[in-house]
Amino acid sequence: ILASVASHMGEARLFCFGVGSAVNRYLLEELARLGRGTTQVVRADEDEAAAVERFHARLARPLLTDVRIDWKGLAVRDLSPAQVPDLFAGQPIILSGRYSSAGAATITVHGRQAGRAVSFDVPVTLPESRPDPAIATVWARARIAELSRAQLRGEQPALRAEILRLALAHRLMTRYTAFVAVDTSRITAGGAATRVDVPVEVPDAVKHPGGTSGGGWGGSGVG
Protein backbone atom coordinates (compact mmCIF):
# COMPACT_ATOMS: atom_id res chain seq x y z
CA ILE A 1 0.00 0.00 0.00
CA LEU A 2 2.73 2.45 0.98
CA ALA A 3 4.77 1.71 -2.13
CA SER A 4 1.75 2.26 -4.38
CA VAL A 5 0.85 5.54 -2.69
CA ALA A 6 4.45 6.78 -2.87
CA SER A 7 4.58 6.15 -6.63
CA HIS A 8 1.38 8.12 -7.28
CA MET A 9 1.57 11.02 -4.79
CA GLY A 10 3.41 13.56 -6.91
CA GLU A 11 2.91 17.02 -5.36
CA ALA A 12 -0.42 16.11 -3.75
CA ARG A 13 -0.96 16.04 0.02
CA LEU A 14 -2.46 13.17 1.99
CA PHE A 15 -4.29 13.51 5.31
CA CYS A 16 -5.40 10.53 7.39
CA PHE A 17 -8.22 10.19 9.92
CA GLY A 18 -8.87 7.17 12.12
CA VAL A 19 -11.72 6.26 14.47
CA GLY A 20 -11.68 3.57 17.12
CA SER A 21 -9.32 1.86 19.54
CA ALA A 22 -7.80 -0.55 17.00
CA VAL A 23 -6.74 1.88 14.28
CA ASN A 24 -3.70 0.89 12.21
CA ARG A 25 -1.64 3.86 13.37
CA TYR A 26 1.49 2.75 11.53
CA LEU A 27 -0.30 2.70 8.18
CA LEU A 28 -2.04 6.05 8.68
CA GLU A 29 1.04 7.83 10.02
CA GLU A 30 3.29 6.52 7.26
CA LEU A 31 0.72 7.48 4.62
CA ALA A 32 0.61 10.99 6.06
CA ARG A 33 4.41 11.22 6.05
CA LEU A 34 4.57 10.14 2.43
CA GLY A 35 1.94 12.73 1.58
CA ARG A 36 3.43 15.53 3.70
CA GLY A 37 0.15 15.68 5.59
CA THR A 38 -0.98 14.91 9.12
CA THR A 39 -2.91 12.25 11.02
CA GLN A 40 -5.78 12.49 13.51
CA VAL A 41 -7.06 9.56 15.55
CA VAL A 42 -10.12 9.70 17.84
CA ARG A 43 -11.45 7.11 20.23
CA ALA A 44 -14.83 5.46 19.75
CA ASP A 45 -16.18 7.31 22.80
CA GLU A 46 -15.21 10.76 21.46
CA ASP A 47 -17.34 13.12 19.40
CA GLU A 48 -16.30 12.22 15.86
CA ALA A 49 -18.12 15.15 14.25
CA ALA A 50 -16.33 17.69 16.44
CA ALA A 51 -12.99 15.97 15.82
CA VAL A 52 -13.53 16.03 12.06
CA GLU A 53 -14.40 19.73 12.21
CA ARG A 54 -11.23 20.56 14.15
CA PHE A 55 -9.15 18.39 11.83
CA HIS A 56 -10.55 20.05 8.73
CA ALA A 57 -10.09 23.53 10.17
CA ARG A 58 -6.41 22.84 10.83
CA LEU A 59 -5.52 21.27 7.50
CA ALA A 60 -7.53 23.83 5.49
CA ARG A 61 -5.21 26.63 6.63
CA PRO A 62 -1.57 25.43 6.68
CA LEU A 63 0.82 27.97 8.15
CA LEU A 64 3.64 27.13 5.74
CA THR A 65 3.88 24.80 2.72
CA ASP A 66 6.71 23.63 0.45
CA VAL A 67 9.19 24.07 3.29
CA ARG A 68 12.92 23.91 2.56
CA ILE A 69 15.95 24.92 4.60
CA ASP A 70 19.17 26.62 3.53
CA TRP A 71 21.73 25.49 6.12
CA LYS A 72 24.22 28.20 5.09
CA GLY A 73 27.23 25.94 5.05
CA LEU A 74 26.62 24.02 8.28
CA ALA A 75 27.87 20.41 8.02
CA VAL A 76 24.41 18.86 8.42
CA ARG A 77 23.57 15.46 6.91
CA ASP A 78 21.29 12.43 7.17
CA LEU A 79 18.19 14.51 7.82
CA SER A 80 14.86 12.85 8.56
CA PRO A 81 12.32 13.27 7.19
CA ALA A 82 14.19 13.83 3.93
CA GLN A 83 11.21 15.74 2.53
CA VAL A 84 10.16 18.44 4.98
CA PRO A 85 6.39 18.33 5.65
CA ASP A 86 4.05 21.31 5.68
CA LEU A 87 3.57 23.27 8.90
CA PHE A 88 0.16 23.26 10.60
CA ALA A 89 -1.03 25.08 13.70
CA GLY A 90 -0.37 23.11 16.87
CA GLN A 91 1.85 20.58 15.08
CA PRO A 92 5.55 21.58 14.94
CA ILE A 93 7.99 20.32 12.32
CA ILE A 94 10.72 18.20 13.90
CA LEU A 95 13.84 17.32 11.91
CA SER A 96 16.48 14.85 13.09
CA GLY A 97 19.98 14.92 11.66
CA ARG A 98 23.70 14.73 12.23
CA TYR A 99 26.54 17.19 11.77
CA SER A 100 30.21 16.39 11.17
CA SER A 101 31.69 19.56 12.63
CA ALA A 102 30.66 22.29 15.03
CA GLY A 103 29.64 25.70 13.76
CA ALA A 104 27.22 28.58 13.94
CA ALA A 105 25.15 30.22 11.23
CA THR A 106 21.85 31.94 10.58
CA ILE A 107 19.93 29.45 8.49
CA THR A 108 17.04 30.46 6.23
CA VAL A 109 13.70 28.66 6.18
CA HIS A 110 11.84 29.06 2.88
CA GLY A 111 8.21 28.23 2.17
CA ARG A 112 4.89 29.44 0.85
CA GLN A 113 2.27 31.17 2.95
CA ALA A 114 -1.19 31.65 1.43
CA GLY A 115 0.37 31.13 -1.99
CA ARG A 116 3.19 33.66 -1.68
CA ALA A 117 6.87 32.91 -1.14
CA VAL A 118 8.18 33.76 2.33
CA SER A 119 11.39 33.17 4.25
CA PHE A 120 12.75 33.85 7.70
CA ASP A 121 16.10 33.50 9.44
CA VAL A 122 16.87 31.27 12.43
CA PRO A 123 20.20 31.44 14.31
CA VAL A 124 21.63 27.94 14.88
CA THR A 125 24.66 26.83 16.90
CA LEU A 126 26.06 23.31 16.60
CA PRO A 127 28.19 22.71 19.72
CA GLU A 128 31.52 20.92 19.99
CA SER A 129 30.45 18.87 23.01
CA ARG A 130 29.06 15.37 22.62
CA PRO A 131 25.23 15.41 22.88
CA ASP A 132 23.16 13.39 25.30
CA PRO A 133 23.02 9.71 24.17
CA ALA A 134 19.22 9.95 24.17
CA ILE A 135 19.42 12.51 21.35
CA ALA A 136 21.52 10.12 19.29
CA THR A 137 18.88 7.42 19.84
CA VAL A 138 16.12 9.74 18.65
CA TRP A 139 18.09 10.44 15.48
CA ALA A 140 18.84 6.75 14.93
CA ARG A 141 15.16 5.82 15.17
CA ALA A 142 14.22 8.52 12.67
CA ARG A 143 17.06 7.53 10.33
CA ILE A 144 16.07 3.85 10.42
CA ALA A 145 12.47 4.81 9.61
CA GLU A 146 13.70 6.89 6.66
CA LEU A 147 15.86 4.05 5.33
CA SER A 148 12.96 1.62 5.75
CA ARG A 149 10.73 3.87 3.62
CA ALA A 150 13.36 3.71 0.89
CA GLN A 151 12.79 -0.06 0.77
CA LEU A 152 9.04 0.05 0.18
CA ARG A 153 9.41 -1.58 -3.22
CA GLY A 154 11.91 -4.19 -2.12
CA GLU A 155 14.84 -4.84 0.16
CA GLN A 156 18.15 -3.29 -0.80
CA PRO A 157 21.29 -4.91 0.65
CA ALA A 158 23.10 -1.62 1.28
CA LEU A 159 20.14 -0.10 3.13
CA ARG A 160 19.58 -3.31 5.07
CA ALA A 161 23.21 -3.27 6.20
CA GLU A 162 22.96 0.37 7.29
CA ILE A 163 19.75 -0.27 9.23
CA LEU A 164 21.38 -3.24 10.94
CA ARG A 165 24.47 -1.20 11.79
CA LEU A 166 22.44 1.63 13.32
CA ALA A 167 20.20 -0.77 15.24
CA LEU A 168 23.15 -2.60 16.79
CA ALA A 169 25.06 0.60 17.55
CA HIS A 170 22.07 2.22 19.29
CA ARG A 171 20.46 -0.99 20.62
CA LEU A 172 17.19 -0.55 18.76
CA MET A 173 14.59 -3.07 17.65
CA THR A 174 13.97 -3.24 13.91
CA ARG A 175 12.72 -5.76 11.36
CA TYR A 176 16.26 -7.19 11.38
CA THR A 177 16.97 -7.11 15.11
CA ALA A 178 15.21 -8.21 18.30
CA PHE A 179 15.64 -8.13 22.04
CA VAL A 180 16.28 -11.44 23.82
CA ALA A 181 15.76 -11.63 27.59
CA VAL A 182 17.55 -14.44 29.40
CA ASP A 183 16.33 -15.15 32.94
CA THR A 184 19.05 -16.93 34.90
CA SER A 185 17.34 -16.57 38.29
CA ARG A 186 15.28 -19.77 37.98
CA ILE A 187 16.09 -23.27 36.80
CA THR A 188 13.39 -25.77 35.88
CA ALA A 189 14.39 -29.35 36.57
CA GLY A 190 12.42 -32.60 36.71
CA GLY A 191 8.69 -33.17 36.53
CA ALA A 192 6.29 -33.02 33.63
CA ALA A 193 5.77 -29.82 31.70
CA THR A 194 2.54 -27.95 32.35
CA ARG A 195 0.76 -25.80 29.78
CA VAL A 196 -0.39 -22.41 31.04
CA ASP A 197 -2.78 -20.36 28.91
CA VAL A 198 -1.99 -16.65 29.16
CA PRO A 199 -4.81 -14.27 28.23
CA VAL A 200 -4.05 -11.54 25.70
CA GLU A 201 -5.77 -8.20 26.11
CA VAL A 202 -7.58 -6.78 23.09
CA PRO A 203 -8.40 -3.12 22.40
CA ASP A 204 -11.53 -1.72 23.96
CA ALA A 205 -14.70 -2.05 21.84
CA VAL A 206 -13.11 -4.68 19.61
CA LYS A 207 -14.60 -8.16 19.32
CA HIS A 208 -12.53 -10.88 20.97
CA PRO A 209 -10.95 -13.24 18.39
CA GLY A 210 -12.66 -16.16 20.09
CA GLY A 211 -16.05 -14.48 19.87
CA THR A 212 -16.62 -14.54 23.63
CA SER A 213 -17.14 -10.82 24.06
CA GLY A 214 -19.69 -8.51 22.59
CA GLY A 215 -19.36 -7.11 19.11
CA GLY A 216 -17.25 -4.03 18.66
CA TRP A 217 -15.93 -1.88 15.92
CA GLY A 218 -12.87 0.02 14.87
CA GLY A 219 -11.67 1.52 11.66
CA SER A 220 -9.53 4.01 9.87
CA GLY A 221 -9.60 6.01 6.71
CA VAL A 222 -7.63 8.37 4.55
CA GLY A 223 -8.64 11.42 2.63
C-alpha atoms as a PDB file:
ATOM      1  CA  ILE A   1       0.000   0.000   0.000  1.00  0.00           C
ATOM      2  CA  LEU A   2       2.726   2.455   0.980  1.00  0.00           C
ATOM      3  CA  ALA A   3       4.767   1.708  -2.131  1.00  0.00           C
ATOM      4  CA  SER A   4       1.745   2.257  -4.379  1.00  0.00           C
ATOM      5  CA  VAL A   5       0.853   5.540  -2.692  1.00  0.00           C
ATOM      6  CA  ALA A   6       4.454   6.781  -2.868  1.00  0.00           C
ATOM      7  CA  SER A   7       4.577   6.153  -6.629  1.00  0.00           C
ATOM      8  CA  HIS A   8       1.375   8.116  -7.279  1.00  0.00           C
ATOM      9  CA  MET A   9       1.572  11.019  -4.794  1.00  0.00           C
ATOM     10  CA  GLY A  10       3.412  13.558  -6.909  1.00  0.00           C
ATOM     11  CA  GLU A  11       2.912  17.016  -5.358  1.00  0.00           C
ATOM     12  CA  ALA A  12      -0.418  16.111  -3.749  1.00  0.00           C
ATOM     13  CA  ARG A  13      -0.957  16.036   0.019  1.00  0.00           C
ATOM     14  CA  LEU A  14      -2.457  13.170   1.988  1.00  0.00           C
ATOM     15  CA  PHE A  15      -4.293  13.507   5.310  1.00  0.00           C
ATOM     16  CA  CYS A  16      -5.405  10.528   7.394  1.00  0.00           C
ATOM     17  CA  PHE A  17      -8.218  10.193   9.919  1.00  0.00           C
ATOM     18  CA  GLY A  18      -8.865   7.173  12.123  1.00  0.00           C
ATOM     19  CA  VAL A  19     -11.716   6.262  14.466  1.00  0.00           C
ATOM     20  CA  GLY A  20     -11.681   3.567  17.121  1.00  0.00           C
ATOM     21  CA  SER A  21      -9.316   1.863  19.535  1.00  0.00           C
ATOM     22  CA  ALA A  22      -7.801  -0.550  17.002  1.00  0.00           C
ATOM     23  CA  VAL A  23      -6.743   1.875  14.282  1.00  0.00           C
ATOM     24  CA  ASN A  24      -3.699   0.891  12.213  1.00  0.00           C
ATOM     25  CA  ARG A  25      -1.638   3.857  13.367  1.00  0.00           C
ATOM     26  CA  TYR A  26       1.492   2.754  11.533  1.00  0.00           C
ATOM     27  CA  LEU A  27      -0.297   2.695   8.181  1.00  0.00           C
ATOM     28  CA  LEU A  28      -2.036   6.052   8.682  1.00  0.00           C
ATOM     29  CA  GLU A  29       1.037   7.834  10.025  1.00  0.00           C
ATOM     30  CA  GLU A  30       3.285   6.517   7.259  1.00  0.00           C
ATOM     31  CA  LEU A  31       0.723   7.484   4.616  1.00  0.00           C
ATOM     32  CA  ALA A  32       0.609  10.989   6.059  1.00  0.00           C
ATOM     33  CA  ARG A  33       4.412  11.222   6.053  1.00  0.00           C
ATOM     34  CA  LEU A  34       4.568  10.144   2.431  1.00  0.00           C
ATOM     35  CA  GLY A  35       1.937  12.727   1.578  1.00  0.00           C
ATOM     36  CA  ARG A  36       3.432  15.530   3.703  1.00  0.00           C
ATOM     37  CA  GLY A  37       0.154  15.675   5.594  1.00  0.00           C
ATOM     38  CA  THR A  38      -0.984  14.915   9.118  1.00  0.00           C
ATOM     39  CA  THR A  39      -2.913  12.253  11.017  1.00  0.00           C
ATOM     40  CA  GLN A  40      -5.779  12.495  13.506  1.00  0.00           C
ATOM     41  CA  VAL A  41      -7.064   9.560  15.553  1.00  0.00           C
ATOM     42  CA  VAL A  42     -10.120   9.703  17.844  1.00  0.00           C
ATOM     43  CA  ARG A  43     -11.454   7.106  20.234  1.00  0.00           C
ATOM     44  CA  ALA A  44     -14.828   5.460  19.747  1.00  0.00           C
ATOM     45  CA  ASP A  45     -16.179   7.313  22.797  1.00  0.00           C
ATOM     46  CA  GLU A  46     -15.208  10.757  21.458  1.00  0.00           C
ATOM     47  CA  ASP A  47     -17.337  13.124  19.402  1.00  0.00           C
ATOM     48  CA  GLU A  48     -16.297  12.220  15.856  1.00  0.00           C
ATOM     49  CA  ALA A  49     -18.125  15.146  14.249  1.00  0.00           C
ATOM     50  CA  ALA A  50     -16.326  17.686  16.441  1.00  0.00           C
ATOM     51  CA  ALA A  51     -12.986  15.973  15.822  1.00  0.00           C
ATOM     52  CA  VAL A  52     -13.533  16.029  12.057  1.00  0.00           C
ATOM     53  CA  GLU A  53     -14.399  19.726  12.205  1.00  0.00           C
ATOM     54  CA  ARG A  54     -11.226  20.556  14.147  1.00  0.00           C
ATOM     55  CA  PHE A  55      -9.153  18.394  11.830  1.00  0.00           C
ATOM     56  CA  HIS A  56     -10.549  20.046   8.728  1.00  0.00           C
ATOM     57  CA  ALA A  57     -10.089  23.533  10.172  1.00  0.00           C
ATOM     58  CA  ARG A  58      -6.414  22.840  10.825  1.00  0.00           C
ATOM     59  CA  LEU A  59      -5.523  21.272   7.495  1.00  0.00           C
ATOM     60  CA  ALA A  60      -7.533  23.827   5.493  1.00  0.00           C
ATOM     61  CA  ARG A  61      -5.209  26.625   6.626  1.00  0.00           C
ATOM     62  CA  PRO A  62      -1.569  25.433   6.683  1.00  0.00           C
ATOM     63  CA  LEU A  63       0.825  27.972   8.154  1.00  0.00           C
ATOM     64  CA  LEU A  64       3.637  27.127   5.742  1.00  0.00           C
ATOM     65  CA  THR A  65       3.883  24.802   2.720  1.00  0.00           C
ATOM     66  CA  ASP A  66       6.711  23.628   0.448  1.00  0.00           C
ATOM     67  CA  VAL A  67       9.186  24.070   3.287  1.00  0.00           C
ATOM     68  CA  ARG A  68      12.921  23.906   2.560  1.00  0.00           C
ATOM     69  CA  ILE A  69      15.949  24.921   4.598  1.00  0.00           C
ATOM     70  CA  ASP A  70      19.168  26.619   3.530  1.00  0.00           C
ATOM     71  CA  TRP A  71      21.726  25.494   6.124  1.00  0.00           C
ATOM     72  CA  LYS A  72      24.218  28.199   5.095  1.00  0.00           C
ATOM     73  CA  GLY A  73      27.232  25.935   5.051  1.00  0.00           C
ATOM     74  CA  LEU A  74      26.621  24.019   8.278  1.00  0.00           C
ATOM     75  CA  ALA A  75      27.867  20.411   8.022  1.00  0.00           C
ATOM     76  CA  VAL A  76      24.413  18.862   8.415  1.00  0.00           C
ATOM     77  CA  ARG A  77      23.570  15.464   6.907  1.00  0.00           C
ATOM     78  CA  ASP A  78      21.294  12.433   7.166  1.00  0.00           C
ATOM     79  CA  LEU A  79      18.191  14.506   7.822  1.00  0.00           C
ATOM     80  CA  SER A  80      14.864  12.852   8.556  1.00  0.00           C
ATOM     81  CA  PRO A  81      12.316  13.266   7.186  1.00  0.00           C
ATOM     82  CA  ALA A  82      14.189  13.825   3.932  1.00  0.00           C
ATOM     83  CA  GLN A  83      11.212  15.738   2.534  1.00  0.00           C
ATOM     84  CA  VAL A  84      10.160  18.441   4.982  1.00  0.00           C
ATOM     85  CA  PRO A  85       6.394  18.330   5.649  1.00  0.00           C
ATOM     86  CA  ASP A  86       4.046  21.308   5.681  1.00  0.00           C
ATOM     87  CA  LEU A  87       3.574  23.266   8.899  1.00  0.00           C
ATOM     88  CA  PHE A  88       0.164  23.264  10.596  1.00  0.00           C
ATOM     89  CA  ALA A  89      -1.034  25.077  13.698  1.00  0.00           C
ATOM     90  CA  GLY A  90      -0.367  23.112  16.865  1.00  0.00           C
ATOM     91  CA  GLN A  91       1.847  20.583  15.076  1.00  0.00           C
ATOM     92  CA  PRO A  92       5.547  21.577  14.945  1.00  0.00           C
ATOM     93  CA  ILE A  93       7.989  20.324  12.325  1.00  0.00           C
ATOM     94  CA  ILE A  94      10.725  18.203  13.897  1.00  0.00           C
ATOM     95  CA  LEU A  95      13.845  17.316  11.909  1.00  0.00           C
ATOM     96  CA  SER A  96      16.479  14.854  13.092  1.00  0.00           C
ATOM     97  CA  GLY A  97      19.978  14.922  11.655  1.00  0.00           C
ATOM     98  CA  ARG A  98      23.705  14.729  12.226  1.00  0.00           C
ATOM     99  CA  TYR A  99      26.545  17.187  11.774  1.00  0.00           C
ATOM    100  CA  SER A 100      30.209  16.388  11.172  1.00  0.00           C
ATOM    101  CA  SER A 101      31.686  19.559  12.629  1.00  0.00           C
ATOM    102  CA  ALA A 102      30.663  22.294  15.030  1.00  0.00           C
ATOM    103  CA  GLY A 103      29.639  25.695  13.762  1.00  0.00           C
ATOM    104  CA  ALA A 104      27.223  28.579  13.940  1.00  0.00           C
ATOM    105  CA  ALA A 105      25.155  30.217  11.227  1.00  0.00           C
ATOM    106  CA  THR A 106      21.853  31.936  10.580  1.00  0.00           C
ATOM    107  CA  ILE A 107      19.929  29.445   8.485  1.00  0.00           C
ATOM    108  CA  THR A 108      17.045  30.459   6.234  1.00  0.00           C
ATOM    109  CA  VAL A 109      13.700  28.663   6.176  1.00  0.00           C
ATOM    110  CA  HIS A 110      11.836  29.062   2.884  1.00  0.00           C
ATOM    111  CA  GLY A 111       8.208  28.227   2.167  1.00  0.00           C
ATOM    112  CA  ARG A 112       4.894  29.440   0.851  1.00  0.00           C
ATOM    113  CA  GLN A 113       2.268  31.175   2.949  1.00  0.00           C
ATOM    114  CA  ALA A 114      -1.186  31.651   1.434  1.00  0.00           C
ATOM    115  CA  GLY A 115       0.368  31.127  -1.992  1.00  0.00           C
ATOM    116  CA  ARG A 116       3.191  33.665  -1.678  1.00  0.00           C
ATOM    117  CA  ALA A 117       6.871  32.913  -1.142  1.00  0.00           C
ATOM    118  CA  VAL A 118       8.182  33.758   2.325  1.00  0.00           C
ATOM    119  CA  SER A 119      11.386  33.171   4.251  1.00  0.00           C
ATOM    120  CA  PHE A 120      12.750  33.846   7.702  1.00  0.00           C
ATOM    121  CA  ASP A 121      16.099  33.499   9.442  1.00  0.00           C
ATOM    122  CA  VAL A 122      16.868  31.274  12.430  1.00  0.00           C
ATOM    123  CA  PRO A 123      20.199  31.436  14.307  1.00  0.00           C
ATOM    124  CA  VAL A 124      21.631  27.938  14.884  1.00  0.00           C
ATOM    125  CA  THR A 125      24.659  26.831  16.904  1.00  0.00           C
ATOM    126  CA  LEU A 126      26.058  23.312  16.600  1.00  0.00           C
ATOM    127  CA  PRO A 127      28.193  22.705  19.716  1.00  0.00           C
ATOM    128  CA  GLU A 128      31.525  20.922  19.994  1.00  0.00           C
ATOM    129  CA  SER A 129      30.446  18.871  23.006  1.00  0.00           C
ATOM    130  CA  ARG A 130      29.064  15.370  22.621  1.00  0.00           C
ATOM    131  CA  PRO A 131      25.226  15.408  22.881  1.00  0.00           C
ATOM    132  CA  ASP A 132      23.159  13.388  25.300  1.00  0.00           C
ATOM    133  CA  PRO A 133      23.019   9.707  24.166  1.00  0.00           C
ATOM    134  CA  ALA A 134      19.222   9.952  24.166  1.00  0.00           C
ATOM    135  CA  ILE A 135      19.418  12.514  21.353  1.00  0.00           C
ATOM    136  CA  ALA A 136      21.517  10.123  19.286  1.00  0.00           C
ATOM    137  CA  THR A 137      18.885   7.419  19.838  1.00  0.00           C
ATOM    138  CA  VAL A 138      16.121   9.745  18.655  1.00  0.00           C
ATOM    139  CA  TRP A 139      18.086  10.444  15.475  1.00  0.00           C
ATOM    140  CA  ALA A 140      18.842   6.750  14.930  1.00  0.00           C
ATOM    141  CA  ARG A 141      15.159   5.818  15.166  1.00  0.00           C
ATOM    142  CA  ALA A 142      14.224   8.523  12.665  1.00  0.00           C
ATOM    143  CA  ARG A 143      17.058   7.527  10.329  1.00  0.00           C
ATOM    144  CA  ILE A 144      16.071   3.853  10.418  1.00  0.00           C
ATOM    145  CA  ALA A 145      12.471   4.808   9.610  1.00  0.00           C
ATOM    146  CA  GLU A 146      13.702   6.891   6.657  1.00  0.00           C
ATOM    147  CA  LEU A 147      15.858   4.050   5.333  1.00  0.00           C
ATOM    148  CA  SER A 148      12.960   1.623   5.751  1.00  0.00           C
ATOM    149  CA  ARG A 149      10.732   3.872   3.621  1.00  0.00           C
ATOM    150  CA  ALA A 150      13.364   3.706   0.890  1.00  0.00           C
ATOM    151  CA  GLN A 151      12.788  -0.060   0.767  1.00  0.00           C
ATOM    152  CA  LEU A 152       9.036   0.046   0.182  1.00  0.00           C
ATOM    153  CA  ARG A 153       9.413  -1.577  -3.224  1.00  0.00           C
ATOM    154  CA  GLY A 154      11.910  -4.189  -2.123  1.00  0.00           C
ATOM    155  CA  GLU A 155      14.836  -4.835   0.162  1.00  0.00           C
ATOM    156  CA  GLN A 156      18.154  -3.286  -0.803  1.00  0.00           C
ATOM    157  CA  PRO A 157      21.294  -4.911   0.651  1.00  0.00           C
ATOM    158  CA  ALA A 158      23.102  -1.616   1.282  1.00  0.00           C
ATOM    159  CA  LEU A 159      20.145  -0.099   3.132  1.00  0.00           C
ATOM    160  CA  ARG A 160      19.577  -3.308   5.066  1.00  0.00           C
ATOM    161  CA  ALA A 161      23.211  -3.268   6.199  1.00  0.00           C
ATOM    162  CA  GLU A 162      22.955   0.372   7.290  1.00  0.00           C
ATOM    163  CA  ILE A 163      19.747  -0.265   9.234  1.00  0.00           C
ATOM    164  CA  LEU A 164      21.382  -3.237  10.943  1.00  0.00           C
ATOM    165  CA  ARG A 165      24.475  -1.198  11.793  1.00  0.00           C
ATOM    166  CA  LEU A 166      22.441   1.626  13.322  1.00  0.00           C
ATOM    167  CA  ALA A 167      20.202  -0.773  15.238  1.00  0.00           C
ATOM    168  CA  LEU A 168      23.151  -2.597  16.793  1.00  0.00           C
ATOM    169  CA  ALA A 169      25.061   0.602  17.546  1.00  0.00           C
ATOM    170  CA  HIS A 170      22.071   2.215  19.291  1.00  0.00           C
ATOM    171  CA  ARG A 171      20.463  -0.989  20.615  1.00  0.00           C
ATOM    172  CA  LEU A 172      17.186  -0.553  18.765  1.00  0.00           C
ATOM    173  CA  MET A 173      14.592  -3.068  17.653  1.00  0.00           C
ATOM    174  CA  THR A 174      13.968  -3.240  13.907  1.00  0.00           C
ATOM    175  CA  ARG A 175      12.723  -5.764  11.358  1.00  0.00           C
ATOM    176  CA  TYR A 176      16.259  -7.193  11.375  1.00  0.00           C
ATOM    177  CA  THR A 177      16.971  -7.113  15.110  1.00  0.00           C
ATOM    178  CA  ALA A 178      15.212  -8.210  18.298  1.00  0.00           C
ATOM    179  CA  PHE A 179      15.644  -8.134  22.044  1.00  0.00           C
ATOM    180  CA  VAL A 180      16.284 -11.441  23.823  1.00  0.00           C
ATOM    181  CA  ALA A 181      15.762 -11.634  27.588  1.00  0.00           C
ATOM    182  CA  VAL A 182      17.548 -14.441  29.403  1.00  0.00           C
ATOM    183  CA  ASP A 183      16.328 -15.149  32.936  1.00  0.00           C
ATOM    184  CA  THR A 184      19.050 -16.926  34.901  1.00  0.00           C
ATOM    185  CA  SER A 185      17.340 -16.573  38.292  1.00  0.00           C
ATOM    186  CA  ARG A 186      15.282 -19.773  37.976  1.00  0.00           C
ATOM    187  CA  ILE A 187      16.086 -23.275  36.802  1.00  0.00           C
ATOM    188  CA  THR A 188      13.387 -25.770  35.877  1.00  0.00           C
ATOM    189  CA  ALA A 189      14.389 -29.347  36.568  1.00  0.00           C
ATOM    190  CA  GLY A 190      12.420 -32.602  36.711  1.00  0.00           C
ATOM    191  CA  GLY A 191       8.695 -33.171  36.534  1.00  0.00           C
ATOM    192  CA  ALA A 192       6.287 -33.023  33.630  1.00  0.00           C
ATOM    193  CA  ALA A 193       5.773 -29.818  31.698  1.00  0.00           C
ATOM    194  CA  THR A 194       2.541 -27.947  32.346  1.00  0.00           C
ATOM    195  CA  ARG A 195       0.759 -25.805  29.777  1.00  0.00           C
ATOM    196  CA  VAL A 196      -0.394 -22.413  31.040  1.00  0.00           C
ATOM    197  CA  ASP A 197      -2.781 -20.359  28.913  1.00  0.00           C
ATOM    198  CA  VAL A 198      -1.988 -16.647  29.159  1.00  0.00           C
ATOM    199  CA  PRO A 199      -4.808 -14.269  28.233  1.00  0.00           C
ATOM    200  CA  VAL A 200      -4.046 -11.543  25.699  1.00  0.00           C
ATOM    201  CA  GLU A 201      -5.771  -8.204  26.107  1.00  0.00           C
ATOM    202  CA  VAL A 202      -7.582  -6.778  23.094  1.00  0.00           C
ATOM    203  CA  PRO A 203      -8.402  -3.120  22.403  1.00  0.00           C
ATOM    204  CA  ASP A 204     -11.534  -1.721  23.957  1.00  0.00           C
ATOM    205  CA  ALA A 205     -14.696  -2.049  21.837  1.00  0.00           C
ATOM    206  CA  VAL A 206     -13.114  -4.685  19.612  1.00  0.00           C
ATOM    207  CA  LYS A 207     -14.601  -8.156  19.323  1.00  0.00           C
ATOM    208  CA  HIS A 208     -12.533 -10.880  20.970  1.00  0.00           C
ATOM    209  CA  PRO A 209     -10.952 -13.240  18.392  1.00  0.00           C
ATOM    210  CA  GLY A 210     -12.662 -16.159  20.093  1.00  0.00           C
ATOM    211  CA  GLY A 211     -16.045 -14.478  19.867  1.00  0.00           C
ATOM    212  CA  THR A 212     -16.617 -14.540  23.627  1.00  0.00           C
ATOM    213  CA  SER A 213     -17.139 -10.823  24.060  1.00  0.00           C
ATOM    214  CA  GLY A 214     -19.691  -8.512  22.592  1.00  0.00           C
ATOM    215  CA  GLY A 215     -19.362  -7.113  19.110  1.00  0.00           C
ATOM    216  CA  GLY A 216     -17.250  -4.026  18.659  1.00  0.00           C
ATOM    217  CA  TRP A 217     -15.928  -1.880  15.918  1.00  0.00           C
ATOM    218  CA  GLY A 218     -12.865   0.016  14.872  1.00  0.00           C
ATOM    219  CA  GLY A 219     -11.671   1.518  11.662  1.00  0.00           C
ATOM    220  CA  SER A 220      -9.532   4.010   9.874  1.00  0.00           C
ATOM    221  CA  GLY A 221      -9.604   6.010   6.712  1.00  0.00           C
ATOM    222  CA  VAL A 222      -7.634   8.366   4.550  1.00  0.00           C
ATOM    223  CA  GLY A 223      -8.644  11.422   2.634  1.00  0.00           C
END
